[in-house]
Amino acid sequence: MNTTKLIKACLLAAALGVYTQVAADTLTIVIEDIRDASGTVQVQVLAGQAQFEGGGAVAQFLEPAVEGSLTVVAEDLPPGEYAIRIMHDVNGNDELDANFFGAPTEPYTISNNAKGMFGPASWEDARFVLEGEVTQVISLVH
C-alpha cells in the first residue's frame, strides 16, 4: 500500500471537514479463472474516479500466478468509492499485451466483472463502495 498517498488523502479530507477519523476498512479480492501459473498477477486498488482514469493506486499487489484462484487483502483503507484493475502478466514484461487493434491478449479484469463496449469498462460500471469489510470476487477475461 502506498502509505504516502493514503496519508495525503486523509489529511486533505480532514482539512475539508469530510471526515474526522481514519477507518480501518478491509477489501478482500478473490481473482478466479487463472488458467496459467506463468508470470504474475498484478492488482491495483484505485481510490476514486481520478485514479481510475489517470493512473496511480492506493494499494498494489504483485503475486506469482497460480492456476485456479488467488486472494489478496487490502487493509486499513478509508471508506469511499473504489475500483480494482487486475492483469495476468503471463510473459513477465510488466505490460498488458495487446493485438494490432488494441484488444488485450493477456488475461485482465475490472471490479464488478465490468466489461466495456469497444474499450475498457467505465468508472460507473467498475466502482463499488467500501465500508467495513467488502469482498470482490472477480473472474479474469481471456
Protein backbone atom coordinates (compact mmCIF):
# COMPACT_ATOMS: atom_id res chain seq x y z
CA MET A 1 0.00 0.00 0.00
CA ASN A 2 1.27 3.46 -0.84
CA THR A 3 1.27 5.00 2.64
CA THR A 4 2.25 8.49 1.47
CA LYS A 5 -0.79 8.79 -0.81
CA LEU A 6 -3.09 7.45 1.90
CA ILE A 7 -1.78 9.96 4.44
CA LYS A 8 -2.16 12.84 1.98
CA ALA A 9 -5.73 11.82 1.17
CA CYS A 10 -6.63 11.59 4.87
CA LEU A 11 -5.11 14.98 5.67
CA LEU A 12 -6.92 16.64 2.76
CA ALA A 13 -10.25 15.10 3.72
CA ALA A 14 -9.83 16.17 7.36
CA ALA A 15 -8.92 19.72 6.29
CA LEU A 16 -12.07 19.90 4.17
CA GLY A 17 -14.21 18.56 7.00
CA VAL A 18 -15.22 15.47 5.03
CA TYR A 19 -14.47 13.15 7.93
CA THR A 20 -12.54 13.35 11.14
CA GLN A 21 -11.20 9.85 11.65
CA VAL A 22 -9.46 7.19 9.61
CA ALA A 23 -11.44 3.98 9.38
CA ALA A 24 -9.85 0.57 9.19
CA ASP A 25 -11.85 -0.93 6.33
CA THR A 26 -10.76 -4.15 4.61
CA LEU A 27 -11.10 -5.15 0.96
CA THR A 28 -10.70 -8.82 0.06
CA ILE A 29 -10.15 -9.52 -3.63
CA VAL A 30 -10.66 -13.05 -4.97
CA ILE A 31 -9.36 -13.49 -8.53
CA GLU A 32 -10.85 -16.51 -10.29
CA ASP A 33 -10.24 -18.39 -13.55
CA ILE A 34 -6.45 -18.15 -13.56
CA ARG A 35 -5.62 -20.71 -16.24
CA ASP A 36 -1.83 -20.50 -16.28
CA ALA A 37 0.75 -20.44 -13.48
CA SER A 38 3.23 -18.45 -15.63
CA GLY A 39 4.14 -14.86 -14.79
CA THR A 40 2.48 -12.67 -12.19
CA VAL A 41 -0.93 -11.33 -11.28
CA GLN A 42 -0.90 -7.56 -10.80
CA VAL A 43 -3.67 -5.93 -8.76
CA GLN A 44 -4.36 -2.21 -8.39
CA VAL A 45 -6.88 -0.79 -5.91
CA LEU A 46 -7.99 2.59 -7.24
CA ALA A 47 -9.42 5.21 -4.87
CA GLY A 48 -11.92 7.24 -6.85
CA GLN A 49 -12.58 8.13 -10.46
CA ALA A 50 -9.42 10.25 -10.82
CA GLN A 51 -7.14 7.27 -10.10
CA PHE A 52 -9.30 5.03 -12.30
CA GLU A 53 -8.90 7.38 -15.25
CA GLY A 54 -5.47 8.86 -14.60
CA GLY A 55 -3.29 6.21 -13.05
CA GLY A 56 -1.85 5.64 -9.63
CA ALA A 57 -3.28 3.35 -7.00
CA VAL A 58 -3.92 3.45 -3.27
CA ALA A 59 -2.79 -0.20 -2.99
CA GLN A 60 -0.93 -2.55 -5.35
CA PHE A 61 -0.14 -6.24 -5.23
CA LEU A 62 2.21 -8.35 -7.35
CA GLU A 63 1.67 -12.06 -6.80
CA PRO A 64 3.08 -15.14 -8.52
CA ALA A 65 0.38 -16.64 -10.75
CA VAL A 66 -1.25 -19.87 -9.65
CA GLU A 67 -3.81 -21.95 -11.51
CA GLY A 68 -7.33 -21.57 -10.13
CA SER A 69 -7.86 -18.64 -7.79
CA LEU A 70 -5.82 -16.14 -5.82
CA THR A 71 -6.83 -13.95 -2.86
CA VAL A 72 -5.29 -10.63 -1.81
CA VAL A 73 -6.36 -8.38 1.07
CA ALA A 74 -6.03 -4.60 1.27
CA GLU A 75 -6.38 -3.45 4.87
CA ASP A 76 -6.77 -0.08 6.57
CA LEU A 77 -8.37 1.68 3.60
CA PRO A 78 -10.54 4.74 4.26
CA PRO A 79 -14.22 4.29 3.39
CA GLY A 80 -15.21 5.51 -0.04
CA GLU A 81 -15.64 4.57 -3.68
CA TYR A 82 -13.06 2.27 -5.24
CA ALA A 83 -12.38 0.19 -8.33
CA ILE A 84 -9.98 -2.69 -8.94
CA ARG A 85 -7.86 -3.35 -12.03
CA ILE A 86 -6.17 -6.74 -12.48
CA MET A 87 -3.94 -8.20 -15.16
CA HIS A 88 -2.24 -11.54 -15.51
CA ASP A 89 1.18 -10.72 -16.95
CA VAL A 90 1.81 -14.17 -18.40
CA ASN A 91 5.10 -13.33 -20.13
CA GLY A 92 6.53 -11.16 -17.32
CA ASN A 93 7.09 -7.95 -19.32
CA ASP A 94 5.09 -5.74 -16.87
CA GLU A 95 2.59 -4.77 -19.59
CA LEU A 96 -0.89 -5.82 -20.61
CA ASP A 97 -0.03 -7.00 -24.11
CA ALA A 98 -2.48 -6.13 -26.88
CA ASN A 99 -3.00 -7.02 -30.52
CA PHE A 100 -2.88 -4.67 -33.53
CA PHE A 101 -6.39 -3.37 -32.73
CA GLY A 102 -5.58 -2.67 -29.08
CA ALA A 103 -7.52 -5.64 -27.66
CA PRO A 104 -5.73 -7.31 -24.73
CA THR A 105 -4.00 -10.61 -25.48
CA GLU A 106 -3.32 -11.38 -21.80
CA PRO A 107 -5.99 -12.04 -19.16
CA TYR A 108 -7.33 -8.99 -17.31
CA THR A 109 -10.39 -7.88 -15.37
CA ILE A 110 -12.05 -4.94 -13.59
CA SER A 111 -14.06 -4.85 -10.35
CA ASN A 112 -17.70 -5.95 -10.53
CA ASN A 113 -16.64 -8.05 -13.56
CA ALA A 114 -17.42 -4.89 -15.56
CA LYS A 115 -16.96 -5.02 -19.31
CA GLY A 116 -16.73 -2.14 -21.76
CA MET A 117 -18.17 -1.86 -25.24
CA PHE A 118 -15.29 -1.49 -27.72
CA GLY A 119 -12.92 -0.38 -24.96
CA PRO A 120 -12.30 -0.53 -21.22
CA ALA A 121 -15.11 -0.59 -18.67
CA SER A 122 -16.33 2.74 -17.29
CA TRP A 123 -15.88 4.05 -13.77
CA GLU A 124 -19.64 3.82 -13.27
CA ASP A 125 -19.61 0.09 -14.03
CA ALA A 126 -16.43 -0.69 -12.07
CA ARG A 127 -16.97 1.36 -8.90
CA PHE A 128 -18.12 0.00 -5.56
CA VAL A 129 -18.44 1.38 -2.05
CA LEU A 130 -16.04 0.23 0.65
CA GLU A 131 -17.46 0.40 4.16
CA GLY A 132 -16.34 -2.13 6.73
CA GLU A 133 -15.36 -5.44 5.15
CA VAL A 134 -16.06 -5.93 1.44
CA THR A 135 -15.22 -8.89 -0.81
CA GLN A 136 -14.95 -8.60 -4.58
CA VAL A 137 -14.93 -11.94 -6.49
CA ILE A 138 -13.66 -11.23 -10.00
CA SER A 139 -13.04 -13.57 -12.94
CA LEU A 140 -10.28 -12.98 -15.46
CA VAL A 141 -11.28 -12.24 -19.05
CA HIS A 142 -9.33 -14.41 -21.51
